[in-house]
Amino acid sequence: MTQTDFKPRKFKNILINSSFQLKLLSYFVFLFLTSTLTLYATGFIFFWKMKQKALHVGIPEDHVFFRFLGNQKLEFDQLFLGLAIINFFLLLGTGFVISHRIAGPIHKLKVFLKNKSSEKDSFKLRDNDFFKELEPLVNQDKND
């Protein structure tokens, strides 16, 4: 198998450059947590202000309106939690794909440069990889 052949990846080797990929994924998780918490806080404040306004205009606390408001808050919380879970996995999956498209070419370039003296094949990246502009630069002295 030459350097440019693509091997199927085993699940235990799912990360190409684990330190880089885990750090990048941790940034994605941090952004997810920050945005999710701020959005939830906005909803929480909205319902709290609705309750305060109702109390301010004189609606008694045992009024049906507060039960209604509590039920709406419960539905909001359930929907928010469901969407947060979906968004978490969507963001994590996207981060994983992006990290592979960055780590893959760098790993391939490291291996290629390490074996450059004995390598007869050209340096080739996958179609969806980032850094495709490296191919002609790395292969430049092969064409000279």
C-alpha atoms as a PDB file:
ATOM      1  CA  MET A   1       0.000   0.000   0.000  1.00  0.00           C
ATOM      2  CA  THR A   2       1.498   3.340  -1.046  1.00  0.00           C
ATOM      3  CA  GLN A   3       1.411   6.578   0.880  1.00  0.00           C
ATOM      4  CA  THR A   4      -1.503   7.959  -1.162  1.00  0.00           C
ATOM      5  CA  ASP A   5      -3.781   4.954  -0.578  1.00  0.00           C
ATOM      6  CA  PHE A   6      -6.489   5.499   1.993  1.00  0.00           C
ATOM      7  CA  LYS A   7      -6.847   2.872   4.708  1.00  0.00           C
ATOM      8  CA  PRO A   8     -10.169   2.295   6.443  1.00  0.00           C
ATOM      9  CA  ARG A   9     -10.001   3.703   9.953  1.00  0.00           C
ATOM     10  CA  LYS A  10     -10.582   1.432  12.919  1.00  0.00           C
ATOM     11  CA  PHE A  11     -12.896   2.761  15.626  1.00  0.00           C
ATOM     12  CA  LYS A  12     -10.188   2.587  18.304  1.00  0.00           C
ATOM     13  CA  ASN A  13      -8.029   4.857  16.121  1.00  0.00           C
ATOM     14  CA  ILE A  14     -10.830   7.318  15.424  1.00  0.00           C
ATOM     15  CA  LEU A  15      -8.709  10.341  16.343  1.00  0.00           C
ATOM     16  CA  ILE A  16      -5.809  11.147  14.031  1.00  0.00           C
ATOM     17  CA  ASN A  17      -4.126  13.701  16.285  1.00  0.00           C
ATOM     18  CA  SER A  18      -5.871  13.283  19.624  1.00  0.00           C
ATOM     19  CA  SER A  19      -4.317  16.248  21.436  1.00  0.00           C
ATOM     20  CA  PHE A  20      -5.250  18.692  18.666  1.00  0.00           C
ATOM     21  CA  GLN A  21      -8.678  17.180  17.982  1.00  0.00           C
ATOM     22  CA  LEU A  22      -9.700  16.975  21.632  1.00  0.00           C
ATOM     23  CA  LYS A  23      -8.608  20.569  22.182  1.00  0.00           C
ATOM     24  CA  LEU A  24     -10.606  21.729  19.156  1.00  0.00           C
ATOM     25  CA  LEU A  25     -13.633  19.728  20.307  1.00  0.00           C
ATOM     26  CA  SER A  26     -13.312  21.267  23.775  1.00  0.00           C
ATOM     27  CA  TYR A  27     -13.621  24.708  22.139  1.00  0.00           C
ATOM     28  CA  PHE A  28     -16.790  23.536  20.411  1.00  0.00           C
ATOM     29  CA  VAL A  29     -18.176  22.221  23.716  1.00  0.00           C
ATOM     30  CA  PHE A  30     -17.287  25.493  25.471  1.00  0.00           C
ATOM     31  CA  LEU A  31     -19.101  27.491  22.772  1.00  0.00           C
ATOM     32  CA  PHE A  32     -22.075  25.136  23.042  1.00  0.00           C
ATOM     33  CA  LEU A  33     -22.259  25.520  26.836  1.00  0.00           C
ATOM     34  CA  THR A  34     -21.877  29.295  26.694  1.00  0.00           C
ATOM     35  CA  SER A  35     -24.538  29.784  24.041  1.00  0.00           C
ATOM     36  CA  THR A  36     -26.916  27.266  25.620  1.00  0.00           C
ATOM     37  CA  LEU A  37     -26.647  28.774  29.090  1.00  0.00           C
ATOM     38  CA  THR A  38     -27.142  32.324  27.835  1.00  0.00           C
ATOM     39  CA  LEU A  39     -30.166  31.302  25.756  1.00  0.00           C
ATOM     40  CA  TYR A  40     -31.675  29.417  28.690  1.00  0.00           C
ATOM     41  CA  ALA A  41     -31.039  32.373  30.992  1.00  0.00           C
ATOM     42  CA  THR A  42     -32.947  34.578  28.545  1.00  0.00           C
ATOM     43  CA  GLY A  43     -35.972  32.258  28.696  1.00  0.00           C
ATOM     44  CA  PHE A  44     -35.737  31.992  32.470  1.00  0.00           C
ATOM     45  CA  ILE A  45     -35.642  35.772  32.860  1.00  0.00           C
ATOM     46  CA  PHE A  46     -38.608  36.107  30.495  1.00  0.00           C
ATOM     47  CA  PHE A  47     -40.796  33.835  32.640  1.00  0.00           C
ATOM     48  CA  TRP A  48     -39.572  35.419  35.872  1.00  0.00           C
ATOM     49  CA  LYS A  49     -40.429  38.906  34.548  1.00  0.00           C
ATOM     50  CA  MET A  50     -43.880  37.693  33.447  1.00  0.00           C
ATOM     51  CA  LYS A  51     -44.521  36.506  37.003  1.00  0.00           C
ATOM     52  CA  GLN A  52     -43.233  39.777  38.485  1.00  0.00           C
ATOM     53  CA  LYS A  53     -45.426  41.841  36.153  1.00  0.00           C
ATOM     54  CA  ALA A  54     -48.480  39.757  37.018  1.00  0.00           C
ATOM     55  CA  LEU A  55     -47.826  40.221  40.734  1.00  0.00           C
ATOM     56  CA  HIS A  56     -47.241  43.956  40.180  1.00  0.00           C
ATOM     57  CA  VAL A  57     -50.636  44.445  38.508  1.00  0.00           C
ATOM     58  CA  GLY A  58     -52.315  42.693  41.430  1.00  0.00           C
ATOM     59  CA  ILE A  59     -52.972  39.153  40.233  1.00  0.00           C
ATOM     60  CA  PRO A  60     -53.029  36.960  43.376  1.00  0.00           C
ATOM     61  CA  GLU A  61     -50.430  34.155  43.573  1.00  0.00           C
ATOM     62  CA  ASP A  62     -53.100  31.438  43.692  1.00  0.00           C
ATOM     63  CA  HIS A  63     -54.639  32.640  40.413  1.00  0.00           C
ATOM     64  CA  VAL A  64     -54.907  30.206  37.482  1.00  0.00           C
ATOM     65  CA  PHE A  65     -52.596  32.468  35.476  1.00  0.00           C
ATOM     66  CA  PHE A  66     -49.601  31.394  37.575  1.00  0.00           C
ATOM     67  CA  ARG A  67     -50.414  27.731  37.041  1.00  0.00           C
ATOM     68  CA  PHE A  68     -50.618  28.436  33.320  1.00  0.00           C
ATOM     69  CA  LEU A  69     -47.316  30.303  33.444  1.00  0.00           C
ATOM     70  CA  GLY A  70     -45.710  27.409  35.335  1.00  0.00           C
ATOM     71  CA  ASN A  71     -46.956  24.917  32.743  1.00  0.00           C
ATOM     72  CA  GLN A  72     -45.592  27.075  29.938  1.00  0.00           C
ATOM     73  CA  LYS A  73     -42.220  27.257  31.706  1.00  0.00           C
ATOM     74  CA  LEU A  74     -42.201  23.464  32.083  1.00  0.00           C
ATOM     75  CA  GLU A  75     -42.930  23.002  28.366  1.00  0.00           C
ATOM     76  CA  PHE A  76     -40.232  25.541  27.529  1.00  0.00           C
ATOM     77  CA  ASP A  77     -37.719  23.654  29.706  1.00  0.00           C
ATOM     78  CA  GLN A  78     -38.566  20.310  28.093  1.00  0.00           C
ATOM     79  CA  LEU A  79     -38.297  21.671  24.549  1.00  0.00           C
ATOM     80  CA  PHE A  80     -35.113  23.519  25.398  1.00  0.00           C
ATOM     81  CA  LEU A  81     -33.516  20.409  26.886  1.00  0.00           C
ATOM     82  CA  GLY A  82     -34.432  18.322  23.835  1.00  0.00           C
ATOM     83  CA  LEU A  83     -33.053  20.898  21.435  1.00  0.00           C
ATOM     84  CA  ALA A  84     -29.919  21.342  23.553  1.00  0.00           C
ATOM     85  CA  ILE A  85     -29.221  17.600  23.357  1.00  0.00           C
ATOM     86  CA  ILE A  86     -29.742  17.575  19.584  1.00  0.00           C
ATOM     87  CA  ASN A  87     -27.562  20.681  19.167  1.00  0.00           C
ATOM     88  CA  PHE A  88     -24.829  19.173  21.356  1.00  0.00           C
ATOM     89  CA  PHE A  89     -24.503  16.076  19.196  1.00  0.00           C
ATOM     90  CA  LEU A  90     -24.811  18.098  15.996  1.00  0.00           C
ATOM     91  CA  LEU A  91     -22.063  20.464  17.113  1.00  0.00           C
ATOM     92  CA  LEU A  92     -19.868  17.630  18.376  1.00  0.00           C
ATOM     93  CA  GLY A  93     -20.281  15.736  15.087  1.00  0.00           C
ATOM     94  CA  THR A  94     -19.498  18.844  13.060  1.00  0.00           C
ATOM     95  CA  GLY A  95     -16.467  19.565  15.234  1.00  0.00           C
ATOM     96  CA  PHE A  96     -15.282  16.001  14.777  1.00  0.00           C
ATOM     97  CA  VAL A  97     -15.547  16.213  10.969  1.00  0.00           C
ATOM     98  CA  ILE A  98     -13.792  19.597  10.878  1.00  0.00           C
ATOM     99  CA  SER A  99     -11.036  18.363  13.183  1.00  0.00           C
ATOM    100  CA  HIS A 100     -10.493  15.380  10.862  1.00  0.00           C
ATOM    101  CA  ARG A 101     -10.286  17.635   7.826  1.00  0.00           C
ATOM    102  CA  ILE A 102      -7.567  19.625   9.561  1.00  0.00           C
ATOM    103  CA  ALA A 103      -5.687  16.832  11.368  1.00  0.00           C
ATOM    104  CA  GLY A 104      -5.791  14.415   8.421  1.00  0.00           C
ATOM    105  CA  PRO A 105      -3.820  16.565   5.966  1.00  0.00           C
ATOM    106  CA  ILE A 106      -1.283  17.548   8.623  1.00  0.00           C
ATOM    107  CA  HIS A 107      -0.773  13.914   9.621  1.00  0.00           C
ATOM    108  CA  LYS A 108      -0.469  12.886   5.982  1.00  0.00           C
ATOM    109  CA  LEU A 109       2.038  15.678   5.337  1.00  0.00           C
ATOM    110  CA  LYS A 110       4.148  14.607   8.350  1.00  0.00           C
ATOM    111  CA  VAL A 111       4.237  11.008   7.143  1.00  0.00           C
ATOM    112  CA  PHE A 112       4.976  12.081   3.569  1.00  0.00           C
ATOM    113  CA  LEU A 113       7.837  14.365   4.594  1.00  0.00           C
ATOM    114  CA  LYS A 114       9.275  11.681   6.866  1.00  0.00           C
ATOM    115  CA  ASN A 115       9.338   9.200   3.957  1.00  0.00           C
ATOM    116  CA  LYS A 116      10.083  11.757   1.230  1.00  0.00           C
ATOM    117  CA  SER A 117      13.476  10.396   0.208  1.00  0.00           C
ATOM    118  CA  SER A 118      12.052   6.951  -0.559  1.00  0.00           C
ATOM    119  CA  GLU A 119       8.592   8.086  -1.690  1.00  0.00           C
ATOM    120  CA  LYS A 120       7.899   7.875  -5.396  1.00  0.00           C
ATOM    121  CA  ASP A 121       4.218   8.816  -5.279  1.00  0.00           C
ATOM    122  CA  SER A 122       2.790  12.294  -5.192  1.00  0.00           C
ATOM    123  CA  PHE A 123       1.352  13.885  -2.095  1.00  0.00           C
ATOM    124  CA  LYS A 124      -2.461  13.707  -2.397  1.00  0.00           C
ATOM    125  CA  LEU A 125      -5.206  14.736   0.025  1.00  0.00           C
ATOM    126  CA  ARG A 126      -8.850  13.686   0.137  1.00  0.00           C
ATOM    127  CA  ASP A 127     -11.291  15.859  -1.817  1.00  0.00           C
ATOM    128  CA  ASN A 128     -12.936  17.396   1.271  1.00  0.00           C
ATOM    129  CA  ASP A 129      -9.748  17.963   3.284  1.00  0.00           C
ATOM    130  CA  PHE A 130      -8.623  21.451   4.180  1.00  0.00           C
ATOM    131  CA  PHE A 131      -5.200  22.693   3.009  1.00  0.00           C
ATOM    132  CA  LYS A 132      -5.569  21.349  -0.563  1.00  0.00           C
ATOM    133  CA  GLU A 133      -3.230  24.188  -1.567  1.00  0.00           C
ATOM    134  CA  LEU A 134      -0.366  22.203   0.023  1.00  0.00           C
ATOM    135  CA  GLU A 135      -0.472  19.506  -2.684  1.00  0.00           C
ATOM    136  CA  PRO A 136       1.240  21.508  -5.459  1.00  0.00           C
ATOM    137  CA  LEU A 137       3.749  22.994  -3.000  1.00  0.00           C
ATOM    138  CA  VAL A 138       4.795  19.617  -1.611  1.00  0.00           C
ATOM    139  CA  ASN A 139       4.880  18.003  -5.051  1.00  0.00           C
ATOM    140  CA  GLN A 140       6.728  20.952  -6.628  1.00  0.00           C
ATOM    141  CA  ASP A 141      10.240  19.475  -6.565  1.00  0.00           C
ATOM    142  CA  LYS A 142       8.934  16.184  -8.064  1.00  0.00           C
ATOM    143  CA  ASN A 143       7.910  18.093 -11.207  1.00  0.00           C
ATOM    144  CA  ASP A 144      11.229  19.982 -11.494  1.00  0.00           C
END
